[in-house]
PDB file of all heavy atoms in Angstrom:
ATOM      1  N   ASP A   1     -72.016 104.468 -63.850  1.00  0.00           N
ATOM      2  CA  ASP A   1     -71.455 104.729 -65.158  1.00  0.00           C
ATOM      3  C   ASP A   1     -71.885 106.138 -65.575  1.00  0.00           C
ATOM      4  O   ASP A   1     -72.919 106.258 -66.227  1.00  0.00           O
ATOM      5  CB  ASP A   1     -71.880 103.667 -66.171  1.00  0.00           C
ATOM      6  CG  ASP A   1     -71.219 103.885 -67.522  1.00  0.00           C
ATOM      7  OD1 ASP A   1     -70.599 104.966 -67.764  1.00  0.00           O
ATOM      8  OD2 ASP A   1     -71.269 102.990 -68.362  1.00  0.00           O
ATOM      9  N   TYR A   2     -71.205 107.140 -65.143  1.00  0.00           N
ATOM     10  CA  TYR A   2     -71.646 108.517 -65.274  1.00  0.00           C
ATOM     11  C   TYR A   2     -71.786 108.906 -66.778  1.00  0.00           C
ATOM     12  O   TYR A   2     -72.754 109.698 -67.146  1.00  0.00           O
ATOM     13  CB  TYR A   2     -70.694 109.465 -64.554  1.00  0.00           C
ATOM     14  CG  TYR A   2     -70.718 109.289 -63.106  1.00  0.00           C
ATOM     15  CD1 TYR A   2     -69.688 108.468 -62.449  1.00  0.00           C
ATOM     16  CD2 TYR A   2     -71.661 109.867 -62.258  1.00  0.00           C
ATOM     17  CE1 TYR A   2     -69.701 108.259 -61.046  1.00  0.00           C
ATOM     18  CE2 TYR A   2     -71.644 109.680 -60.857  1.00  0.00           C
ATOM     19  CZ  TYR A   2     -70.665 108.870 -60.310  1.00  0.00           C
ATOM     20  OH  TYR A   2     -70.670 108.680 -58.983  1.00  0.00           O
ATOM     21  N   LYS A   3     -70.943 108.441 -67.624  1.00  0.00           N
ATOM     22  CA  LYS A   3     -71.051 108.736 -69.062  1.00  0.00           C
ATOM     23  C   LYS A   3     -72.331 108.217 -69.629  1.00  0.00           C
ATOM     24  O   LYS A   3     -73.061 108.927 -70.353  1.00  0.00           O
ATOM     25  CB  LYS A   3     -69.880 108.197 -69.796  1.00  0.00           C
ATOM     26  CG  LYS A   3     -69.848 108.605 -71.275  1.00  0.00           C
ATOM     27  CD  LYS A   3     -68.611 108.086 -71.988  1.00  0.00           C
ATOM     28  CE  LYS A   3     -68.543 108.472 -73.417  1.00  0.00           C
ATOM     29  NZ  LYS A   3     -67.298 107.983 -74.133  1.00  0.00           N
ATOM     30  N   ALA A   4     -72.690 107.000 -69.289  1.00  0.00           N
ATOM     31  CA  ALA A   4     -73.925 106.393 -69.784  1.00  0.00           C
ATOM     32  C   ALA A   4     -75.162 107.114 -69.187  1.00  0.00           C
ATOM     33  O   ALA A   4     -76.185 107.238 -69.872  1.00  0.00           O
ATOM     34  CB  ALA A   4     -73.998 104.894 -69.493  1.00  0.00           C
ATOM     35  N   ILE A   5     -75.043 107.480 -67.939  1.00  0.00           N
ATOM     36  CA  ILE A   5     -76.141 108.164 -67.268  1.00  0.00           C
ATOM     37  C   ILE A   5     -76.399 109.519 -67.979  1.00  0.00           C
ATOM     38  O   ILE A   5     -77.561 109.899 -68.250  1.00  0.00           O
ATOM     39  CB  ILE A   5     -75.862 108.363 -65.795  1.00  0.00           C
ATOM     40  CG1 ILE A   5     -75.950 107.011 -65.042  1.00  0.00           C
ATOM     41  CG2 ILE A   5     -76.791 109.401 -65.147  1.00  0.00           C
ATOM     42  CD1 ILE A   5     -75.493 107.055 -63.644  1.00  0.00           C
ATOM     43  N   ALA A   6     -75.323 110.269 -68.260  1.00  0.00           N
ATOM     44  CA  ALA A   6     -75.540 111.524 -68.977  1.00  0.00           C
ATOM     45  C   ALA A   6     -76.127 111.293 -70.393  1.00  0.00           C
ATOM     46  O   ALA A   6     -76.864 112.142 -70.921  1.00  0.00           O
ATOM     47  CB  ALA A   6     -74.179 112.287 -69.115  1.00  0.00           C
ATOM     48  N   GLY A   7     -75.878 110.124 -70.990  1.00  0.00           N
ATOM     49  CA  GLY A   7     -76.343 109.796 -72.276  1.00  0.00           C
ATOM     50  C   GLY A   7     -77.910 109.680 -72.341  1.00  0.00           C
ATOM     51  O   GLY A   7     -78.512 109.867 -73.328  1.00  0.00           O
ATOM     52  N   VAL A   8     -78.490 109.455 -71.140  1.00  0.00           N
ATOM     53  CA  VAL A   8     -79.958 109.362 -71.033  1.00  0.00           C
ATOM     54  C   VAL A   8     -80.580 110.701 -71.443  1.00  0.00           C
ATOM     55  O   VAL A   8     -81.669 110.790 -71.992  1.00  0.00           O
ATOM     56  CB  VAL A   8     -80.405 109.017 -69.621  1.00  0.00           C
ATOM     57  CG1 VAL A   8     -81.914 109.142 -69.433  1.00  0.00           C
ATOM     58  CG2 VAL A   8     -79.959 107.639 -69.229  1.00  0.00           C
ATOM     59  N   ALA A   9     -79.835 111.843 -71.260  1.00  0.00           N
ATOM     60  CA  ALA A   9     -80.375 113.166 -71.499  1.00  0.00           C
ATOM     61  C   ALA A   9     -80.131 113.601 -72.998  1.00  0.00           C
ATOM     62  O   ALA A   9     -80.652 114.624 -73.304  1.00  0.00           O
ATOM     63  CB  ALA A   9     -79.788 114.107 -70.523  1.00  0.00           C
ATOM     64  N   GLY A  10     -79.322 112.903 -73.711  1.00  0.00           N
ATOM     65  CA  GLY A  10     -79.049 113.250 -75.109  1.00  0.00           C
ATOM     66  C   GLY A  10     -77.904 114.192 -75.266  1.00  0.00           C
ATOM     67  O   GLY A  10     -77.251 114.602 -74.279  1.00  0.00           O
ATOM     68  N   PRO A  11     -77.570 114.583 -76.510  1.00  0.00           N
ATOM     69  CA  PRO A  11     -76.469 115.450 -76.869  1.00  0.00           C
ATOM     70  C   PRO A  11     -76.572 116.785 -76.113  1.00  0.00           C
ATOM     71  O   PRO A  11     -77.640 117.392 -76.027  1.00  0.00           O
ATOM     72  CB  PRO A  11     -76.625 115.650 -78.348  1.00  0.00           C
ATOM     73  CG  PRO A  11     -77.387 114.524 -78.826  1.00  0.00           C
ATOM     74  CD  PRO A  11     -78.381 114.151 -77.719  1.00  0.00           C
ATOM     75  N   GLY A  12     -75.440 117.239 -75.624  1.00  0.00           N
ATOM     76  CA  GLY A  12     -75.362 118.512 -74.863  1.00  0.00           C
ATOM     77  C   GLY A  12     -75.366 118.318 -73.355  1.00  0.00           C
ATOM     78  O   GLY A  12     -74.990 119.249 -72.648  1.00  0.00           O
ATOM     79  N   ALA A  13     -75.805 117.133 -72.868  1.00  0.00           N
ATOM     80  CA  ALA A  13     -75.823 116.893 -71.416  1.00  0.00           C
ATOM     81  C   ALA A  13     -74.401 116.510 -71.024  1.00  0.00           C
ATOM     82  O   ALA A  13     -73.591 116.021 -71.792  1.00  0.00           O
ATOM     83  CB  ALA A  13     -76.791 115.752 -71.100  1.00  0.00           C
ATOM     84  N   ILE A  14     -74.062 116.762 -69.744  1.00  0.00           N
ATOM     85  CA  ILE A  14     -72.783 116.393 -69.187  1.00  0.00           C
ATOM     86  C   ILE A  14     -72.952 115.748 -67.801  1.00  0.00           C
ATOM     87  O   ILE A  14     -73.983 115.891 -67.164  1.00  0.00           O
ATOM     88  CB  ILE A  14     -71.881 117.637 -69.065  1.00  0.00           C
ATOM     89  CG1 ILE A  14     -72.463 118.672 -68.121  1.00  0.00           C
ATOM     90  CG2 ILE A  14     -71.573 118.286 -70.426  1.00  0.00           C
ATOM     91  CD1 ILE A  14     -71.549 119.823 -67.721  1.00  0.00           C
ATOM     92  N   GLN A  15     -71.934 115.007 -67.448  1.00  0.00           N
ATOM     93  CA  GLN A  15     -71.823 114.544 -66.043  1.00  0.00           C
ATOM     94  C   GLN A  15     -71.724 115.803 -65.196  1.00  0.00           C
ATOM     95  O   GLN A  15     -70.944 116.706 -65.490  1.00  0.00           O
ATOM     96  CB  GLN A  15     -70.623 113.648 -65.815  1.00  0.00           C
ATOM     97  CG  GLN A  15     -70.459 113.213 -64.362  1.00  0.00           C
ATOM     98  CD  GLN A  15     -69.206 112.386 -64.126  1.00  0.00           C
ATOM     99  OE1 GLN A  15     -68.545 111.939 -65.085  1.00  0.00           O
ATOM    100  NE2 GLN A  15     -68.901 112.117 -62.858  1.00  0.00           N
ATOM    101  N   ALA A  16     -72.359 115.819 -64.068  1.00  0.00           N
ATOM    102  CA  ALA A  16     -72.262 116.885 -63.069  1.00  0.00           C
ATOM    103  C   ALA A  16     -71.070 116.524 -62.143  1.00  0.00           C
ATOM    104  O   ALA A  16     -71.212 115.617 -61.323  1.00  0.00           O
ATOM    105  CB  ALA A  16     -73.525 117.073 -62.274  1.00  0.00           C
ATOM    106  N   PRO A  17     -69.927 117.206 -62.258  1.00  0.00           N
ATOM    107  CA  PRO A  17     -68.797 116.860 -61.415  1.00  0.00           C
ATOM    108  C   PRO A  17     -69.000 117.267 -59.993  1.00  0.00           C
ATOM    109  O   PRO A  17     -68.335 116.770 -59.079  1.00  0.00           O
ATOM    110  CB  PRO A  17     -67.659 117.632 -62.043  1.00  0.00           C
ATOM    111  CG  PRO A  17     -68.283 118.762 -62.801  1.00  0.00           C
ATOM    112  CD  PRO A  17     -69.656 118.230 -63.258  1.00  0.00           C
ATOM    113  N   GLY A  18     -69.949 118.182 -59.746  1.00  0.00           N
ATOM    114  CA  GLY A  18     -70.276 118.644 -58.369  1.00  0.00           C
ATOM    115  C   GLY A  18     -71.716 119.021 -58.368  1.00  0.00           C
ATOM    116  O   GLY A  18     -72.398 118.955 -59.342  1.00  0.00           O
ATOM    117  N   ILE A  19     -72.151 119.579 -57.273  1.00  0.00           N
ATOM    118  CA  ILE A  19     -73.564 119.943 -57.180  1.00  0.00           C
ATOM    119  C   ILE A  19     -73.867 121.338 -57.766  1.00  0.00           C
ATOM    120  O   ILE A  19     -74.974 121.654 -58.022  1.00  0.00           O
ATOM    121  CB  ILE A  19     -74.003 119.869 -55.670  1.00  0.00           C
ATOM    122  CG1 ILE A  19     -75.485 119.623 -55.594  1.00  0.00           C
ATOM    123  CG2 ILE A  19     -73.577 121.089 -54.873  1.00  0.00           C
ATOM    124  CD1 ILE A  19     -75.971 118.312 -56.118  1.00  0.00           C
ATOM    125  N   ILE A  20     -72.795 122.138 -57.981  1.00  0.00           N
ATOM    126  CA  ILE A  20     -72.960 123.433 -58.558  1.00  0.00           C
ATOM    127  C   ILE A  20     -72.822 123.362 -60.122  1.00  0.00           C
ATOM    128  O   ILE A  20     -71.906 122.736 -60.620  1.00  0.00           O
ATOM    129  CB  ILE A  20     -71.873 124.420 -58.039  1.00  0.00           C
ATOM    130  CG1 ILE A  20     -72.021 124.589 -56.496  1.00  0.00           C
ATOM    131  CG2 ILE A  20     -71.929 125.799 -58.735  1.00  0.00           C
ATOM    132  CD1 ILE A  20     -70.985 125.449 -55.846  1.00  0.00           C
ATOM    133  N   PRO A  21     -73.807 123.876 -60.807  1.00  0.00           N
ATOM    134  CA  PRO A  21     -73.856 123.792 -62.298  1.00  0.00           C
ATOM    135  C   PRO A  21     -72.553 124.395 -62.936  1.00  0.00           C
ATOM    136  O   PRO A  21     -71.943 125.319 -62.382  1.00  0.00           O
ATOM    137  CB  PRO A  21     -75.124 124.549 -62.713  1.00  0.00           C
ATOM    138  CG  PRO A  21     -75.976 124.551 -61.490  1.00  0.00           C
ATOM    139  CD  PRO A  21     -74.971 124.624 -60.373  1.00  0.00           C
ATOM    140  N   SER A  22     -72.225 123.846 -64.071  1.00  0.00           N
ATOM    141  CA  SER A  22     -70.957 124.187 -64.802  1.00  0.00           C
ATOM    142  C   SER A  22     -70.804 125.659 -65.120  1.00  0.00           C
ATOM    143  O   SER A  22     -69.679 126.148 -65.231  1.00  0.00           O
ATOM    144  CB  SER A  22     -70.824 123.359 -66.042  1.00  0.00           C
ATOM    145  OG  SER A  22     -71.941 123.593 -66.897  1.00  0.00           O
ATOM    146  N   MET A  23     -71.916 126.371 -65.313  1.00  0.00           N
ATOM    147  CA  MET A  23     -71.826 127.770 -65.704  1.00  0.00           C
ATOM    148  C   MET A  23     -71.752 128.755 -64.564  1.00  0.00           C
ATOM    149  O   MET A  23     -71.601 129.951 -64.779  1.00  0.00           O
ATOM    150  CB  MET A  23     -72.957 128.138 -66.665  1.00  0.00           C
ATOM    151  CG  MET A  23     -74.380 128.135 -66.028  1.00  0.00           C
ATOM    152  SD  MET A  23     -74.959 126.434 -65.631  1.00  0.00           S
ATOM    153  CE  MET A  23     -75.194 125.853 -67.338  1.00  0.00           C
ATOM    154  N   PHE A  24     -71.834 128.241 -63.284  1.00  0.00           N
ATOM    155  CA  PHE A  24     -71.810 129.132 -62.172  1.00  0.00           C
ATOM    156  C   PHE A  24     -70.402 129.290 -61.576  1.00  0.00           C
ATOM    157  O   PHE A  24     -69.568 128.376 -61.731  1.00  0.00           O
ATOM    158  CB  PHE A  24     -72.686 128.601 -61.019  1.00  0.00           C
ATOM    159  CG  PHE A  24     -74.177 128.693 -61.345  1.00  0.00           C
ATOM    160  CD1 PHE A  24     -74.677 129.152 -62.554  1.00  0.00           C
ATOM    161  CD2 PHE A  24     -75.133 128.313 -60.389  1.00  0.00           C
ATOM    162  CE1 PHE A  24     -76.013 129.245 -62.818  1.00  0.00           C
ATOM    163  CE2 PHE A  24     -76.505 128.394 -60.642  1.00  0.00           C
ATOM    164  CZ  PHE A  24     -76.952 128.841 -61.818  1.00  0.00           C
ATOM    165  N   LEU A  25     -70.194 130.378 -60.891  1.00  0.00           N
ATOM    166  CA  LEU A  25     -68.907 130.580 -60.193  1.00  0.00           C
ATOM    167  C   LEU A  25     -68.732 129.427 -59.213  1.00  0.00           C
ATOM    168  O   LEU A  25     -69.626 129.043 -58.447  1.00  0.00           O
ATOM    169  CB  LEU A  25     -68.970 131.895 -59.429  1.00  0.00           C
ATOM    170  CG  LEU A  25     -67.669 132.294 -58.686  1.00  0.00           C
ATOM    171  CD1 LEU A  25     -66.593 132.718 -59.615  1.00  0.00           C
ATOM    172  CD2 LEU A  25     -67.963 133.395 -57.643  1.00  0.00           C
ATOM    173  N   GLY A  26     -67.503 128.849 -59.105  1.00  0.00           N
ATOM    174  CA  GLY A  26     -67.240 127.823 -58.186  1.00  0.00           C
ATOM    175  C   GLY A  26     -67.513 126.409 -58.660  1.00  0.00           C
ATOM    176  O   GLY A  26     -67.341 125.447 -57.882  1.00  0.00           O
ATOM    177  N   ALA A  27     -67.983 126.274 -59.861  1.00  0.00           N
ATOM    178  CA  ALA A  27     -68.224 124.915 -60.399  1.00  0.00           C
ATOM    179  C   ALA A  27     -66.949 124.166 -60.555  1.00  0.00           C
ATOM    180  O   ALA A  27     -65.870 124.705 -60.891  1.00  0.00           O
ATOM    181  CB  ALA A  27     -68.921 125.046 -61.807  1.00  0.00           C
ATOM    182  N   LEU A  28     -66.974 122.832 -60.397  1.00  0.00           N
ATOM    183  CA  LEU A  28     -65.854 121.968 -60.563  1.00  0.00           C
ATOM    184  C   LEU A  28     -65.640 121.724 -62.061  1.00  0.00           C
ATOM    185  O   LEU A  28     -66.585 121.598 -62.807  1.00  0.00           O
ATOM    186  CB  LEU A  28     -66.037 120.652 -59.835  1.00  0.00           C
ATOM    187  CG  LEU A  28     -65.927 120.653 -58.351  1.00  0.00           C
ATOM    188  CD1 LEU A  28     -66.307 119.296 -57.750  1.00  0.00           C
ATOM    189  CD2 LEU A  28     -64.467 121.068 -57.865  1.00  0.00           C
ATOM    190  N   PRO A  29     -64.338 121.603 -62.500  1.00  0.00           N
ATOM    191  CA  PRO A  29     -64.091 121.179 -63.866  1.00  0.00           C
ATOM    192  C   PRO A  29     -64.408 119.738 -64.056  1.00  0.00           C
ATOM    193  O   PRO A  29     -64.495 118.943 -63.102  1.00  0.00           O
ATOM    194  CB  PRO A  29     -62.591 121.512 -64.056  1.00  0.00           C
ATOM    195  CG  PRO A  29     -62.051 121.336 -62.668  1.00  0.00           C
ATOM    196  CD  PRO A  29     -63.081 121.832 -61.740  1.00  0.00           C
ATOM    197  N   GLN A  30     -64.597 119.340 -65.336  1.00  0.00           N
ATOM    198  CA  GLN A  30     -64.909 117.966 -65.603  1.00  0.00           C
ATOM    199  C   GLN A  30     -63.780 117.002 -65.078  1.00  0.00           C
ATOM    200  O   GLN A  30     -64.037 115.844 -64.787  1.00  0.00           O
ATOM    201  CB  GLN A  30     -65.077 117.715 -67.130  1.00  0.00           C
ATOM    202  CG  GLN A  30     -66.454 118.225 -67.610  1.00  0.00           C
ATOM    203  CD  GLN A  30     -67.612 117.402 -67.101  1.00  0.00           C
ATOM    204  OE1 GLN A  30     -67.609 116.149 -67.255  1.00  0.00           O
ATOM    205  NE2 GLN A  30     -68.611 118.069 -66.540  1.00  0.00           N
ATOM    206  N   SER A  31     -62.549 117.533 -65.094  1.00  0.00           N
ATOM    207  CA  SER A  31     -61.435 116.659 -64.654  1.00  0.00           C
ATOM    208  C   SER A  31     -61.568 116.268 -63.091  1.00  0.00           C
ATOM    209  O   SER A  31     -60.929 115.317 -62.686  1.00  0.00           O
ATOM    210  CB  SER A  31     -60.116 117.460 -64.763  1.00  0.00           C
ATOM    211  OG  SER A  31     -60.142 118.710 -64.032  1.00  0.00           O
ATOM    212  N   SER A  32     -62.409 116.965 -62.350  1.00  0.00           N
ATOM    213  CA  SER A  32     -62.615 116.644 -60.964  1.00  0.00           C
ATOM    214  C   SER A  32     -63.794 115.711 -60.757  1.00  0.00           C
ATOM    215  O   SER A  32     -64.057 115.347 -59.576  1.00  0.00           O
ATOM    216  CB  SER A  32     -62.881 117.923 -60.149  1.00  0.00           C
ATOM    217  OG  SER A  32     -61.745 118.746 -60.185  1.00  0.00           O
ATOM    218  N   ALA A  33     -64.489 115.262 -61.791  1.00  0.00           N
ATOM    219  CA  ALA A  33     -65.654 114.436 -61.667  1.00  0.00           C
ATOM    220  C   ALA A  33     -65.261 113.034 -61.253  1.00  0.00           C
ATOM    221  O   ALA A  33     -64.171 112.498 -61.488  1.00  0.00           O
ATOM    222  CB  ALA A  33     -66.346 114.355 -63.023  1.00  0.00           C
ATOM    223  N   VAL A  34     -66.125 112.466 -60.446  1.00  0.00           N
ATOM    224  CA  VAL A  34     -65.937 111.047 -59.949  1.00  0.00           C
ATOM    225  C   VAL A  34     -65.988 110.118 -61.124  1.00  0.00           C
ATOM    226  O   VAL A  34     -66.829 110.264 -62.054  1.00  0.00           O
ATOM    227  CB  VAL A  34     -67.004 110.688 -58.908  1.00  0.00           C
ATOM    228  CG1 VAL A  34     -66.850 109.218 -58.481  1.00  0.00           C
ATOM    229  CG2 VAL A  34     -66.943 111.614 -57.693  1.00  0.00           C
ATOM    230  N   LYS A  35     -65.068 109.176 -61.185  1.00  0.00           N
ATOM    231  CA  LYS A  35     -65.039 108.175 -62.267  1.00  0.00           C
ATOM    232  C   LYS A  35     -65.500 106.796 -61.766  1.00  0.00           C
ATOM    233  O   LYS A  35     -65.307 106.463 -60.680  1.00  0.00           O
ATOM    234  CB  LYS A  35     -63.562 108.025 -62.792  1.00  0.00           C
ATOM    235  CG  LYS A  35     -62.929 109.323 -63.220  1.00  0.00           C
ATOM    236  CD  LYS A  35     -63.632 109.934 -64.410  1.00  0.00           C
ATOM    237  CE  LYS A  35     -62.876 111.107 -65.019  1.00  0.00           C
ATOM    238  NZ  LYS A  35     -62.615 112.245 -64.082  1.00  0.00           N
ATOM    239  N   GLN A  36     -66.150 106.098 -62.640  1.00  0.00           N
ATOM    240  CA  GLN A  36     -66.622 104.757 -62.333  1.00  0.00           C
ATOM    241  C   GLN A  36     -65.448 103.837 -62.074  1.00  0.00           C
ATOM    242  O   GLN A  36     -64.455 103.861 -62.803  1.00  0.00           O
ATOM    243  CB  GLN A  36     -67.465 104.147 -63.439  1.00  0.00           C
ATOM    244  CG  GLN A  36     -68.042 102.767 -63.134  1.00  0.00           C
ATOM    245  CD  GLN A  36     -68.772 102.129 -64.314  1.00  0.00           C
ATOM    246  OE1 GLN A  36     -68.379 102.311 -65.459  1.00  0.00           O
ATOM    247  NE2 GLN A  36     -69.848 101.462 -64.010  1.00  0.00           N
ATOM    248  N   ASP A  37     -65.486 103.046 -60.965  1.00  0.00           N
ATOM    249  CA  ASP A  37     -64.499 102.113 -60.628  1.00  0.00           C
ATOM    250  C   ASP A  37     -65.211 100.871 -59.996  1.00  0.00           C
ATOM    251  O   ASP A  37     -65.485 100.805 -58.812  1.00  0.00           O
ATOM    252  CB  ASP A  37     -63.501 102.701 -59.637  1.00  0.00           C
ATOM    253  CG  ASP A  37     -62.270 101.821 -59.406  1.00  0.00           C
ATOM    254  OD1 ASP A  37     -62.441 100.580 -59.405  1.00  0.00           O
ATOM    255  OD2 ASP A  37     -61.164 102.378 -59.161  1.00  0.00           O
ATOM    256  N   LEU A  38     -65.539  99.901 -60.833  1.00  0.00           N
ATOM    257  CA  LEU A  38     -66.275  98.734 -60.376  1.00  0.00           C
ATOM    258  C   LEU A  38     -65.609  97.912 -59.313  1.00  0.00           C
ATOM    259  O   LEU A  38     -66.241  97.369 -58.419  1.00  0.00           O
ATOM    260  CB  LEU A  38     -66.697  97.875 -61.535  1.00  0.00           C
ATOM    261  CG  LEU A  38     -67.821  98.381 -62.436  1.00  0.00           C
ATOM    262  CD1 LEU A  38     -68.065  97.445 -63.659  1.00  0.00           C
ATOM    263  CD2 LEU A  38     -69.104  98.518 -61.647  1.00  0.00           C
ATOM    264  N   ALA A  39     -64.266  97.871 -59.371  1.00  0.00           N
ATOM    265  CA  ALA A  39     -63.495  97.090 -58.341  1.00  0.00           C
ATOM    266  C   ALA A  39     -63.710  97.754 -56.985  1.00  0.00           C
ATOM    267  O   ALA A  39     -63.974  97.051 -55.992  1.00  0.00           O
ATOM    268  CB  ALA A  39     -62.041  97.050 -58.719  1.00  0.00           C
ATOM    269  N   LYS A  40     -63.635  99.093 -56.910  1.00  0.00           N
ATOM    270  CA  LYS A  40     -63.856  99.767 -55.636  1.00  0.00           C
ATOM    271  C   LYS A  40     -65.317  99.621 -55.208  1.00  0.00           C
ATOM    272  O   LYS A  40     -65.568  99.450 -53.965  1.00  0.00           O
ATOM    273  CB  LYS A  40     -63.502 101.261 -55.808  1.00  0.00           C
ATOM    274  CG  LYS A  40     -62.027 101.623 -55.862  1.00  0.00           C
ATOM    275  CD  LYS A  40     -61.898 103.150 -55.894  1.00  0.00           C
ATOM    276  CE  LYS A  40     -60.396 103.511 -55.966  1.00  0.00           C
ATOM    277  NZ  LYS A  40     -60.251 104.973 -55.973  1.00  0.00           N
ATOM    278  N   ALA A  41     -66.218  99.700 -56.110  1.00  0.00           N
ATOM    279  CA  ALA A  41     -67.641  99.567 -55.785  1.00  0.00           C
ATOM    280  C   ALA A  41     -67.937  98.201 -55.193  1.00  0.00           C
ATOM    281  O   ALA A  41     -68.575  98.112 -54.147  1.00  0.00           O
ATOM    282  CB  ALA A  41     -68.475  99.862 -57.005  1.00  0.00           C
TER     283      ALA A  41
END
């Protein structure tokens, strides 16, 4: 549950959609982030 996991860090934290940080060249947009799917899991 990526949203809940980011919540551990408090306001201002985000899900990391990829391994490259959001402010760097080549970062993935939030729309590309993996979404929780319990049925698949």
